[in-house]
Amino acid sequence: MTTIRDIARLSGYSVSTVSRVINQRNYVSPATRMAIQKVVDQLDYAPNAVARDLSRGRTFNVGVVLPHSDHPYFTQLVHGIMRAAFKANYRVVLLPSKYEVNLERGYLADLRQHAYDALIFTSHGLPLTELNDYRRYGTIVVCENPHDCPIPAAYAARQTTYVEAFELLKQRGDRRVAILASRSLAKSATTQAMVAAYQQVFGTKPAAALVCTGVTTPADGERAGQTLLKQSQPVDAVLTNGDDIAVGLLRAYRAAKVSAPFLIGQEHQPSGEALRLPTIDHHFETVGARAFQLAVSGEVAQIPVDSQLVVPET
């Protein structure tokens, strides 16, 4: 493997002069630069980017840990992160985790070894306290409300709009309201927020049979619809966790030739607009951009981004 010393020996210039040419520094005459560059081209030399970045004290890599990309929460976050990174000349490395804690610990170990300037956790299997402990080795940002944990965060402020959504259903006279969620109540802050909002509006917890978890895709939404159709009493309304997922649920009701319940979507997707569904826009692309800004600035802050209940005009 060709080294700077090889170029210095063949060109007759010092290692420091060769280094200045390779790194495009000043204080080298045009003739010297041309002579050294000729040897560089002859040897087809390429500098070690990792070593160069480490010598500068940063890699310009930001790792983004995401369990999967099946739900618009993750895709919209990543879009926001990547747009902000492109403007700042950073590279984004996607790190799939499937919520597996050993994988996540491996990514944290990579941060400790300076493989990334920062890690952004869009979601996680490890507890927040463990993520926070690793901040001694580098910047870590999460995309949820960390509450009492002092970790940097950018997140959608969901609670108010969830309450507004359930208030809308209550005003309509809907009482048997189902909730679709990606993860269980014990594991998901989002599921907890939806259930807490339901309880605030209706004064009681939702029936366990009306909370469908493991729903991340339209096919999952269709299966949830099939489950709800088996209820002894019909469901009045459903707060789904995505407009595309609402479409899947609607497919199940149409296949059964049963009138669908009133649906509220999330993430303001084109499918919801086409069906004129009420939806909650969490502005996740903005959340992603804010998370990236925290990651590269090193600022320790917790930034909520307001959500919006979007109800089509009748």
C-alpha atoms as a PDB file:
ATOM      1  CA  MET A   1       0.000   0.000   0.000  1.00  0.00           C
ATOM      2  CA  THR A   2       1.414   3.353  -1.033  1.00  0.00           C
ATOM      3  CA  THR A   3       2.136   5.809   1.776  1.00  0.00           C
ATOM      4  CA  ILE A   4       3.038   9.479   2.000  1.00  0.00           C
ATOM      5  CA  ARG A   5       6.624   8.416   2.722  1.00  0.00           C
ATOM      6  CA  ASP A   6       6.744   6.572  -0.617  1.00  0.00           C
ATOM      7  CA  ILE A   7       5.627   9.732  -2.406  1.00  0.00           C
ATOM      8  CA  ALA A   8       8.182  11.807  -0.491  1.00  0.00           C
ATOM      9  CA  ARG A   9      11.004   9.400  -1.394  1.00  0.00           C
ATOM     10  CA  LEU A  10      10.132   9.272  -5.095  1.00  0.00           C
ATOM     11  CA  SER A  11       9.426  12.973  -5.477  1.00  0.00           C
ATOM     12  CA  GLY A  12      12.425  14.127  -3.434  1.00  0.00           C
ATOM     13  CA  TYR A  13      10.353  16.333  -1.135  1.00  0.00           C
ATOM     14  CA  SER A  14       9.777  16.087   2.605  1.00  0.00           C
ATOM     15  CA  VAL A  15       6.836  14.229   4.122  1.00  0.00           C
ATOM     16  CA  SER A  16       5.429  17.509   5.481  1.00  0.00           C
ATOM     17  CA  THR A  17       5.509  19.119   2.019  1.00  0.00           C
ATOM     18  CA  VAL A  18       3.789  16.102   0.457  1.00  0.00           C
ATOM     19  CA  SER A  19       1.171  16.221   3.194  1.00  0.00           C
ATOM     20  CA  ARG A  20       0.444  19.878   2.462  1.00  0.00           C
ATOM     21  CA  VAL A  21      -0.103  19.070  -1.222  1.00  0.00           C
ATOM     22  CA  ILE A  22      -2.337  16.061  -0.566  1.00  0.00           C
ATOM     23  CA  ASN A  23      -4.428  18.008   1.945  1.00  0.00           C
ATOM     24  CA  GLN A  24      -4.564  21.054  -0.348  1.00  0.00           C
ATOM     25  CA  ARG A  25      -2.814  23.365   2.090  1.00  0.00           C
ATOM     26  CA  ASN A  26      -1.092  26.632   1.174  1.00  0.00           C
ATOM     27  CA  TYR A  27       2.620  27.470   1.395  1.00  0.00           C
ATOM     28  CA  VAL A  28       3.604  25.206  -1.530  1.00  0.00           C
ATOM     29  CA  SER A  29       4.867  26.658  -4.803  1.00  0.00           C
ATOM     30  CA  PRO A  30       3.011  25.733  -8.012  1.00  0.00           C
ATOM     31  CA  ALA A  31       6.072  23.902  -9.369  1.00  0.00           C
ATOM     32  CA  THR A  32       6.449  21.836  -6.201  1.00  0.00           C
ATOM     33  CA  ARG A  33       2.748  21.068  -6.108  1.00  0.00           C
ATOM     34  CA  MET A  34       2.847  19.931  -9.754  1.00  0.00           C
ATOM     35  CA  ALA A  35       5.870  17.665  -9.206  1.00  0.00           C
ATOM     36  CA  ILE A  36       4.355  15.994  -6.160  1.00  0.00           C
ATOM     37  CA  GLN A  37       0.954  15.610  -7.793  1.00  0.00           C
ATOM     38  CA  LYS A  38       2.616  13.852 -10.745  1.00  0.00           C
ATOM     39  CA  VAL A  39       4.024  11.197  -8.395  1.00  0.00           C
ATOM     40  CA  VAL A  40       0.654  10.925  -6.599  1.00  0.00           C
ATOM     41  CA  ASP A  41      -1.049  10.248  -9.933  1.00  0.00           C
ATOM     42  CA  GLN A  42       1.597   7.739 -11.022  1.00  0.00           C
ATOM     43  CA  LEU A  43       1.172   5.732  -7.827  1.00  0.00           C
ATOM     44  CA  ASP A  44      -2.639   6.096  -7.889  1.00  0.00           C
ATOM     45  CA  TYR A  45      -2.455   7.198  -4.263  1.00  0.00           C
ATOM     46  CA  ALA A  46      -5.622   7.881  -2.242  1.00  0.00           C
ATOM     47  CA  PRO A  47      -5.393   9.238   1.312  1.00  0.00           C
ATOM     48  CA  ASN A  48      -6.829   7.243   4.207  1.00  0.00           C
ATOM     49  CA  ALA A  49     -10.089   9.082   4.832  1.00  0.00           C
ATOM     50  CA  VAL A  50     -10.625   7.532   8.271  1.00  0.00           C
ATOM     51  CA  ALA A  51      -7.190   8.529   9.513  1.00  0.00           C
ATOM     52  CA  ARG A  52      -7.572  12.012   8.043  1.00  0.00           C
ATOM     53  CA  ASP A  53     -10.967  12.528   9.703  1.00  0.00           C
ATOM     54  CA  LEU A  54      -9.669  11.303  13.043  1.00  0.00           C
ATOM     55  CA  SER A  55      -6.729  13.699  12.815  1.00  0.00           C
ATOM     56  CA  ARG A  56      -9.257  16.499  12.346  1.00  0.00           C
ATOM     57  CA  GLY A  57     -11.188  15.381  15.416  1.00  0.00           C
ATOM     58  CA  ARG A  58     -14.394  14.410  13.583  1.00  0.00           C
ATOM     59  CA  THR A  59     -15.626  11.952  10.962  1.00  0.00           C
ATOM     60  CA  PHE A  60     -18.553  13.941   9.520  1.00  0.00           C
ATOM     61  CA  ASN A  61     -20.582  10.746   9.973  1.00  0.00           C
ATOM     62  CA  VAL A  62     -23.808  10.670  11.964  1.00  0.00           C
ATOM     63  CA  GLY A  63     -25.276   7.258  12.763  1.00  0.00           C
ATOM     64  CA  VAL A  64     -29.065   6.957  12.790  1.00  0.00           C
ATOM     65  CA  VAL A  65     -30.367   3.966  14.728  1.00  0.00           C
ATOM     66  CA  LEU A  66     -33.788   2.814  13.561  1.00  0.00           C
ATOM     67  CA  PRO A  67     -35.576  -0.469  14.318  1.00  0.00           C
ATOM     68  CA  HIS A  68     -37.120  -0.686  10.825  1.00  0.00           C
ATOM     69  CA  SER A  69     -38.450   1.512   8.041  1.00  0.00           C
ATOM     70  CA  ASP A  70     -41.961   0.047   7.789  1.00  0.00           C
ATOM     71  CA  HIS A  71     -43.719   3.009   9.417  1.00  0.00           C
ATOM     72  CA  PRO A  72     -43.800   6.638   8.239  1.00  0.00           C
ATOM     73  CA  TYR A  73     -42.549   7.740  11.659  1.00  0.00           C
ATOM     74  CA  PHE A  74     -39.121   6.398  10.738  1.00  0.00           C
ATOM     75  CA  THR A  75     -39.091   7.319   7.055  1.00  0.00           C
ATOM     76  CA  GLN A  76     -40.166  10.903   7.726  1.00  0.00           C
ATOM     77  CA  LEU A  77     -37.603  11.291  10.509  1.00  0.00           C
ATOM     78  CA  VAL A  78     -34.841   9.979   8.248  1.00  0.00           C
ATOM     79  CA  HIS A  79     -35.882  12.331   5.432  1.00  0.00           C
ATOM     80  CA  GLY A  80     -35.565  15.282   7.800  1.00  0.00           C
ATOM     81  CA  ILE A  81     -32.189  14.110   9.091  1.00  0.00           C
ATOM     82  CA  MET A  82     -30.803  13.488   5.604  1.00  0.00           C
ATOM     83  CA  ARG A  83     -31.912  16.841   4.216  1.00  0.00           C
ATOM     84  CA  ALA A  84     -30.268  18.667   7.107  1.00  0.00           C
ATOM     85  CA  ALA A  85     -27.126  16.513   6.816  1.00  0.00           C
ATOM     86  CA  PHE A  86     -26.808  17.175   3.085  1.00  0.00           C
ATOM     87  CA  LYS A  87     -26.863  20.924   3.672  1.00  0.00           C
ATOM     88  CA  ALA A  88     -24.158  20.566   6.334  1.00  0.00           C
ATOM     89  CA  ASN A  89     -21.932  18.223   4.264  1.00  0.00           C
ATOM     90  CA  TYR A  90     -22.379  15.324   6.676  1.00  0.00           C
ATOM     91  CA  ARG A  91     -22.836  11.664   5.847  1.00  0.00           C
ATOM     92  CA  VAL A  92     -25.727   9.701   7.340  1.00  0.00           C
ATOM     93  CA  VAL A  93     -25.207   6.034   8.196  1.00  0.00           C
ATOM     94  CA  LEU A  94     -28.416   4.054   8.762  1.00  0.00           C
ATOM     95  CA  LEU A  95     -28.043   1.504  11.568  1.00  0.00           C
ATOM     96  CA  PRO A  96     -30.904  -1.037  11.712  1.00  0.00           C
ATOM     97  CA  SER A  97     -31.552  -2.449  15.174  1.00  0.00           C
ATOM     98  CA  LYS A  98     -34.885  -4.341  15.267  1.00  0.00           C
ATOM     99  CA  TYR A  99     -34.966  -3.162  18.910  1.00  0.00           C
ATOM    100  CA  GLU A 100     -32.213  -5.718  19.676  1.00  0.00           C
ATOM    101  CA  VAL A 101     -30.223  -4.400  22.629  1.00  0.00           C
ATOM    102  CA  ASN A 102     -26.978  -6.145  21.653  1.00  0.00           C
ATOM    103  CA  LEU A 103     -27.028  -4.437  18.252  1.00  0.00           C
ATOM    104  CA  GLU A 104     -27.679  -1.102  19.914  1.00  0.00           C
ATOM    105  CA  ARG A 105     -24.806  -1.660  22.347  1.00  0.00           C
ATOM    106  CA  GLY A 106     -22.597  -2.438  19.352  1.00  0.00           C
ATOM    107  CA  TYR A 107     -23.461   0.925  17.803  1.00  0.00           C
ATOM    108  CA  LEU A 108     -22.707   2.618  21.117  1.00  0.00           C
ATOM    109  CA  ALA A 109     -19.325   0.859  21.166  1.00  0.00           C
ATOM    110  CA  ASP A 110     -18.673   2.204  17.653  1.00  0.00           C
ATOM    111  CA  LEU A 111     -19.423   5.718  18.915  1.00  0.00           C
ATOM    112  CA  ARG A 112     -16.936   5.182  21.735  1.00  0.00           C
ATOM    113  CA  GLN A 113     -14.328   4.221  19.101  1.00  0.00           C
ATOM    114  CA  HIS A 114     -15.087   7.437  17.155  1.00  0.00           C
ATOM    115  CA  ALA A 115     -16.721   5.757  14.159  1.00  0.00           C
ATOM    116  CA  TYR A 116     -19.394   8.489  14.292  1.00  0.00           C
ATOM    117  CA  ASP A 117     -19.506  12.053  15.522  1.00  0.00           C
ATOM    118  CA  ALA A 118     -22.944  11.367  16.989  1.00  0.00           C
ATOM    119  CA  LEU A 119     -25.761   8.836  17.166  1.00  0.00           C
ATOM    120  CA  ILE A 120     -29.443   9.654  16.715  1.00  0.00           C
ATOM    121  CA  PHE A 121     -31.804   7.052  18.165  1.00  0.00           C
ATOM    122  CA  THR A 122     -35.162   7.263  16.397  1.00  0.00           C
ATOM    123  CA  SER A 123     -36.335   4.568  18.815  1.00  0.00           C
ATOM    124  CA  HIS A 124     -34.585   2.066  21.034  1.00  0.00           C
ATOM    125  CA  GLY A 125     -34.721  -1.142  23.004  1.00  0.00           C
ATOM    126  CA  LEU A 126     -32.160  -0.032  25.600  1.00  0.00           C
ATOM    127  CA  PRO A 127     -33.354   2.131  28.492  1.00  0.00           C
ATOM    128  CA  LEU A 128     -32.775   5.862  28.198  1.00  0.00           C
ATOM    129  CA  THR A 129     -30.534   5.776  31.260  1.00  0.00           C
ATOM    130  CA  GLU A 130     -28.078   3.445  29.499  1.00  0.00           C
ATOM    131  CA  LEU A 131     -28.054   5.621  26.367  1.00  0.00           C
ATOM    132  CA  ASN A 132     -27.401   8.636  28.552  1.00  0.00           C
ATOM    133  CA  ASP A 133     -24.438   6.906  30.231  1.00  0.00           C
ATOM    134  CA  TYR A 134     -22.716   6.613  26.839  1.00  0.00           C
ATOM    135  CA  ARG A 135     -22.795  10.361  26.303  1.00  0.00           C
ATOM    136  CA  ARG A 136     -19.373  10.482  27.974  1.00  0.00           C
ATOM    137  CA  TYR A 137     -18.018   9.035  24.699  1.00  0.00           C
ATOM    138  CA  GLY A 138     -19.919  11.182  22.201  1.00  0.00           C
ATOM    139  CA  THR A 139     -23.129  12.960  21.355  1.00  0.00           C
ATOM    140  CA  ILE A 140     -26.354  10.952  21.545  1.00  0.00           C
ATOM    141  CA  VAL A 141     -29.767  12.351  20.624  1.00  0.00           C
ATOM    142  CA  VAL A 142     -33.166  10.660  20.977  1.00  0.00           C
ATOM    143  CA  CYS A 143     -36.425  11.389  19.156  1.00  0.00           C
ATOM    144  CA  GLU A 144     -38.832  11.104  22.070  1.00  0.00           C
ATOM    145  CA  ASN A 145     -39.695  13.093  25.148  1.00  0.00           C
ATOM    146  CA  PRO A 146     -37.079  11.925  27.672  1.00  0.00           C
ATOM    147  CA  HIS A 147     -38.907  13.552  30.602  1.00  0.00           C
ATOM    148  CA  ASP A 148     -36.510  13.473  33.589  1.00  0.00           C
ATOM    149  CA  CYS A 149     -33.563  11.968  31.692  1.00  0.00           C
ATOM    150  CA  PRO A 150     -31.100  14.766  30.760  1.00  0.00           C
ATOM    151  CA  ILE A 151     -30.313  13.351  27.299  1.00  0.00           C
ATOM    152  CA  PRO A 152     -30.593  15.698  24.258  1.00  0.00           C
ATOM    153  CA  ALA A 153     -33.864  15.166  22.408  1.00  0.00           C
ATOM    154  CA  ALA A 154     -36.002  16.426  19.554  1.00  0.00           C
ATOM    155  CA  TYR A 155     -39.508  15.019  19.529  1.00  0.00           C
ATOM    156  CA  ALA A 156     -43.109  15.537  18.490  1.00  0.00           C
ATOM    157  CA  ALA A 157     -45.321  16.989  21.201  1.00  0.00           C
ATOM    158  CA  ARG A 158     -48.115  14.446  20.785  1.00  0.00           C
ATOM    159  CA  GLN A 159     -50.283  14.633  23.882  1.00  0.00           C
ATOM    160  CA  THR A 160     -52.318  17.748  23.037  1.00  0.00           C
ATOM    161  CA  THR A 161     -53.276  16.531  19.565  1.00  0.00           C
ATOM    162  CA  TYR A 162     -54.153  13.060  20.845  1.00  0.00           C
ATOM    163  CA  VAL A 163     -56.503  14.695  23.321  1.00  0.00           C
ATOM    164  CA  GLU A 164     -57.975  16.808  20.506  1.00  0.00           C
ATOM    165  CA  ALA A 165     -58.527  13.681  18.410  1.00  0.00           C
ATOM    166  CA  PHE A 166     -60.382  11.887  21.197  1.00  0.00           C
ATOM    167  CA  GLU A 167     -62.379  15.035  21.967  1.00  0.00           C
ATOM    168  CA  LEU A 168     -63.507  15.046  18.331  1.00  0.00           C
ATOM    169  CA  LEU A 169     -64.667  11.453  18.667  1.00  0.00           C
ATOM    170  CA  LYS A 170     -66.441  12.167  21.947  1.00  0.00           C
ATOM    171  CA  GLN A 171     -68.267  15.140  20.406  1.00  0.00           C
ATOM    172  CA  ARG A 172     -69.405  12.861  17.602  1.00  0.00           C
ATOM    173  CA  GLY A 173     -70.904  10.504  20.184  1.00  0.00           C
ATOM    174  CA  ASP A 174     -68.397   7.727  19.566  1.00  0.00           C
ATOM    175  CA  ARG A 175     -67.893   5.562  22.641  1.00  0.00           C
ATOM    176  CA  ARG A 176     -66.343   2.288  21.499  1.00  0.00           C
ATOM    177  CA  VAL A 177     -63.064   3.683  20.227  1.00  0.00           C
ATOM    178  CA  ALA A 178     -60.203   1.416  19.187  1.00  0.00           C
ATOM    179  CA  ILE A 179     -56.517   2.351  19.115  1.00  0.00           C
ATOM    180  CA  LEU A 180     -53.889   0.952  16.741  1.00  0.00           C
ATOM    181  CA  ALA A 181     -50.253   1.062  17.879  1.00  0.00           C
ATOM    182  CA  SER A 182     -46.879  -0.277  16.784  1.00  0.00           C
ATOM    183  CA  ARG A 183     -45.685  -1.523  20.177  1.00  0.00           C
ATOM    184  CA  SER A 184     -47.148  -2.594  23.485  1.00  0.00           C
ATOM    185  CA  LEU A 185     -48.115  -0.152  26.220  1.00  0.00           C
ATOM    186  CA  ALA A 186     -45.189  -1.271  28.384  1.00  0.00           C
ATOM    187  CA  LYS A 187     -42.593  -0.590  25.676  1.00  0.00           C
ATOM    188  CA  SER A 188     -43.865   2.391  23.698  1.00  0.00           C
ATOM    189  CA  ALA A 189     -44.061   6.018  24.793  1.00  0.00           C
ATOM    190  CA  THR A 190     -46.362   6.660  21.822  1.00  0.00           C
ATOM    191  CA  THR A 191     -48.833   3.961  22.881  1.00  0.00           C
ATOM    192  CA  GLN A 192     -48.705   5.312  26.408  1.00  0.00           C
ATOM    193  CA  ALA A 193     -49.491   8.810  25.130  1.00  0.00           C
ATOM    194  CA  MET A 194     -52.505   7.614  23.132  1.00  0.00           C
ATOM    195  CA  VAL A 195     -53.893   5.594  26.044  1.00  0.00           C
ATOM    196  CA  ALA A 196     -53.326   8.475  28.487  1.00  0.00           C
ATOM    197  CA  ALA A 197     -55.156  10.881  26.144  1.00  0.00           C
ATOM    198  CA  TYR A 198     -58.060   8.441  25.823  1.00  0.00           C
ATOM    199  CA  GLN A 199     -58.294   8.185  29.596  1.00  0.00           C
ATOM    200  CA  GLN A 200     -58.170  11.968  29.969  1.00  0.00           C
ATOM    201  CA  VAL A 201     -61.083  12.444  27.568  1.00  0.00           C
ATOM    202  CA  PHE A 202     -63.289   9.462  28.406  1.00  0.00           C
ATOM    203  CA  GLY A 203     -62.423   9.144  32.107  1.00  0.00           C
ATOM    204  CA  THR A 204     -61.493   5.464  31.876  1.00  0.00           C
ATOM    205  CA  LYS A 205     -58.866   3.272  30.291  1.00  0.00           C
ATOM    206  CA  PRO A 206     -59.679   1.780  26.890  1.00  0.00           C
ATOM    207  CA  ALA A 207     -60.754  -1.850  26.908  1.00  0.00           C
ATOM    208  CA  ALA A 208     -57.763  -4.117  26.316  1.00  0.00           C
ATOM    209  CA  ALA A 209     -59.554  -5.739  23.366  1.00  0.00           C
ATOM    210  CA  LEU A 210     -59.765  -2.346  21.646  1.00  0.00           C
ATOM    211  CA  VAL A 211     -56.004  -1.650  21.767  1.00  0.00           C
ATOM    212  CA  CYS A 212     -54.366  -3.429  18.837  1.00  0.00           C
ATOM    213  CA  THR A 213     -50.551  -3.499  18.894  1.00  0.00           C
ATOM    214  CA  GLY A 214     -47.975  -4.822  16.455  1.00  0.00           C
ATOM    215  CA  VAL A 215     -49.461  -2.604  13.744  1.00  0.00           C
ATOM    216  CA  THR A 216     -46.869  -0.949  11.496  1.00  0.00           C
ATOM    217  CA  THR A 217     -47.949  -1.603   7.893  1.00  0.00           C
ATOM    218  CA  PRO A 218     -51.196  -1.447   5.858  1.00  0.00           C
ATOM    219  CA  ALA A 219     -51.318  -5.272   5.978  1.00  0.00           C
ATOM    220  CA  ASP A 220     -51.168  -5.049   9.780  1.00  0.00           C
ATOM    221  CA  GLY A 221     -53.996  -2.522   9.632  1.00  0.00           C
ATOM    222  CA  GLU A 222     -56.070  -4.969   7.605  1.00  0.00           C
ATOM    223  CA  ARG A 223     -55.452  -7.715  10.165  1.00  0.00           C
ATOM    224  CA  ALA A 224     -56.405  -5.310  12.970  1.00  0.00           C
ATOM    225  CA  GLY A 225     -59.631  -4.565  11.101  1.00  0.00           C
ATOM    226  CA  GLN A 226     -60.382  -8.283  10.879  1.00  0.00           C
ATOM    227  CA  THR A 227     -59.835  -8.541  14.639  1.00  0.00           C
ATOM    228  CA  LEU A 228     -62.140  -5.608  15.369  1.00  0.00           C
ATOM    229  CA  LEU A 229     -64.839  -7.104  13.142  1.00  0.00           C
ATOM    230  CA  LYS A 230     -64.951 -10.104  15.489  1.00  0.00           C
ATOM    231  CA  GLN A 231     -65.908  -7.944  18.473  1.00  0.00           C
ATOM    232  CA  SER A 232     -69.311  -8.713  19.952  1.00  0.00           C
ATOM    233  CA  GLN A 233     -70.202  -5.026  19.646  1.00  0.00           C
ATOM    234  CA  PRO A 234     -69.319  -2.870  16.641  1.00  0.00           C
ATOM    235  CA  VAL A 235     -66.521  -0.326  16.959  1.00  0.00           C
ATOM    236  CA  ASP A 236     -67.611   3.319  16.540  1.00  0.00           C
ATOM    237  CA  ALA A 237     -64.231   4.834  15.661  1.00  0.00           C
ATOM    238  CA  VAL A 238     -60.541   4.005  15.398  1.00  0.00           C
ATOM    239  CA  LEU A 239     -57.484   6.157  16.060  1.00  0.00           C
ATOM    240  CA  THR A 240     -55.047   4.491  13.685  1.00  0.00           C
ATOM    241  CA  ASN A 241     -51.287   5.026  13.746  1.00  0.00           C
ATOM    242  CA  GLY A 242     -50.917   5.990  10.091  1.00  0.00           C
ATOM    243  CA  ASP A 243     -53.057   7.018   7.136  1.00  0.00           C
ATOM    244  CA  ASP A 244     -51.818   4.047   5.091  1.00  0.00           C
ATOM    245  CA  ILE A 245     -52.667   1.789   8.029  1.00  0.00           C
ATOM    246  CA  ALA A 246     -56.171   3.277   8.082  1.00  0.00           C
ATOM    247  CA  VAL A 247     -56.465   2.281   4.423  1.00  0.00           C
ATOM    248  CA  GLY A 248     -55.547  -1.304   5.363  1.00  0.00           C
ATOM    249  CA  LEU A 249     -58.199  -1.350   8.084  1.00  0.00           C
ATOM    250  CA  LEU A 250     -60.753   0.060   5.648  1.00  0.00           C
ATOM    251  CA  ARG A 251     -59.895  -2.761   3.241  1.00  0.00           C
ATOM    252  CA  ALA A 252     -60.885  -5.347   5.880  1.00  0.00           C
ATOM    253  CA  TYR A 253     -64.283  -3.725   6.447  1.00  0.00           C
ATOM    254  CA  ARG A 254     -64.979  -3.431   2.739  1.00  0.00           C
ATOM    255  CA  ALA A 255     -64.070  -7.089   2.214  1.00  0.00           C
ATOM    256  CA  ALA A 256     -66.547  -8.016   4.946  1.00  0.00           C
ATOM    257  CA  LYS A 257     -69.158  -5.669   3.391  1.00  0.00           C
ATOM    258  CA  VAL A 258     -69.554  -3.889   6.730  1.00  0.00           C
ATOM    259  CA  SER A 259     -69.686  -0.120   7.159  1.00  0.00           C
ATOM    260  CA  ALA A 260     -66.325   1.055   8.440  1.00  0.00           C
ATOM    261  CA  PRO A 261     -65.992   2.970  11.719  1.00  0.00           C
ATOM    262  CA  PHE A 262     -64.968   6.621  11.703  1.00  0.00           C
ATOM    263  CA  LEU A 263     -61.209   6.707  11.144  1.00  0.00           C
ATOM    264  CA  ILE A 264     -58.525   9.140  12.242  1.00  0.00           C
ATOM    265  CA  GLY A 265     -55.116   8.645  10.684  1.00  0.00           C
ATOM    266  CA  GLN A 266     -51.651   9.895  11.528  1.00  0.00           C
ATOM    267  CA  GLU A 267     -48.663  11.342   9.628  1.00  0.00           C
ATOM    268  CA  HIS A 268     -50.698  13.246   6.988  1.00  0.00           C
ATOM    269  CA  GLN A 269     -49.957  10.872   4.110  1.00  0.00           C
ATOM    270  CA  PRO A 270     -51.259  11.186   0.530  1.00  0.00           C
ATOM    271  CA  SER A 271     -53.587   8.207   1.067  1.00  0.00           C
ATOM    272  CA  GLY A 272     -55.308  10.046   3.903  1.00  0.00           C
ATOM    273  CA  GLU A 273     -55.685  13.169   1.801  1.00  0.00           C
ATOM    274  CA  ALA A 274     -57.249  11.134  -0.997  1.00  0.00           C
ATOM    275  CA  LEU A 275     -59.786   9.623   1.421  1.00  0.00           C
ATOM    276  CA  ARG A 276     -60.243  12.953   3.256  1.00  0.00           C
ATOM    277  CA  LEU A 277     -59.394  11.363   6.581  1.00  0.00           C
ATOM    278  CA  PRO A 278     -58.793  13.469   9.675  1.00  0.00           C
ATOM    279  CA  THR A 279     -55.157  12.940  10.560  1.00  0.00           C
ATOM    280  CA  ILE A 280     -52.490  14.015  13.013  1.00  0.00           C
ATOM    281  CA  ASP A 281     -49.401  15.576  11.473  1.00  0.00           C
ATOM    282  CA  HIS A 282     -46.456  15.190  13.847  1.00  0.00           C
ATOM    283  CA  HIS A 283     -44.072  17.058  11.508  1.00  0.00           C
ATOM    284  CA  PHE A 284     -41.472  14.322  11.825  1.00  0.00           C
ATOM    285  CA  GLU A 285     -39.276  15.762   9.090  1.00  0.00           C
ATOM    286  CA  THR A 286     -38.903  18.870  11.243  1.00  0.00           C
ATOM    287  CA  VAL A 287     -38.181  16.645  14.248  1.00  0.00           C
ATOM    288  CA  GLY A 288     -35.459  14.878  12.242  1.00  0.00           C
ATOM    289  CA  ALA A 289     -33.865  18.170  11.224  1.00  0.00           C
ATOM    290  CA  ARG A 290     -33.856  19.379  14.843  1.00  0.00           C
ATOM    291  CA  ALA A 291     -32.332  16.083  15.998  1.00  0.00           C
ATOM    292  CA  PHE A 292     -29.534  16.420  13.448  1.00  0.00           C
ATOM    293  CA  GLN A 293     -28.815  19.986  14.560  1.00  0.00           C
ATOM    294  CA  LEU A 294     -28.486  18.798  18.158  1.00  0.00           C
ATOM    295  CA  ALA A 295     -26.246  15.934  17.042  1.00  0.00           C
ATOM    296  CA  VAL A 296     -23.695  18.103  15.242  1.00  0.00           C
ATOM    297  CA  SER A 297     -23.814  21.083  17.611  1.00  0.00           C
ATOM    298  CA  GLY A 298     -23.413  19.073  20.806  1.00  0.00           C
ATOM    299  CA  GLU A 299     -26.060  21.280  22.425  1.00  0.00           C
ATOM    300  CA  VAL A 300     -27.784  19.662  25.400  1.00  0.00           C
ATOM    301  CA  ALA A 301     -31.409  20.594  24.864  1.00  0.00           C
ATOM    302  CA  GLN A 302     -34.832  19.007  24.621  1.00  0.00           C
ATOM    303  CA  ILE A 303     -36.818  20.426  21.714  1.00  0.00           C
ATOM    304  CA  PRO A 304     -40.546  19.678  21.331  1.00  0.00           C
ATOM    305  CA  VAL A 305     -42.113  20.155  17.902  1.00  0.00           C
ATOM    306  CA  ASP A 306     -45.836  20.894  17.924  1.00  0.00           C
ATOM    307  CA  SER A 307     -48.191  18.423  16.255  1.00  0.00           C
ATOM    308  CA  GLN A 308     -51.369  19.331  14.380  1.00  0.00           C
ATOM    309  CA  LEU A 309     -54.780  17.716  14.086  1.00  0.00           C
ATOM    310  CA  VAL A 310     -55.813  18.156  10.445  1.00  0.00           C
ATOM    311  CA  VAL A 311     -59.564  17.853   9.811  1.00  0.00           C
ATOM    312  CA  PRO A 312     -60.694  18.182   6.181  1.00  0.00           C
ATOM    313  CA  GLU A 313     -63.346  20.766   5.544  1.00  0.00           C
ATOM    314  CA  THR A 314     -66.795  19.284   4.988  1.00  0.00           C
END
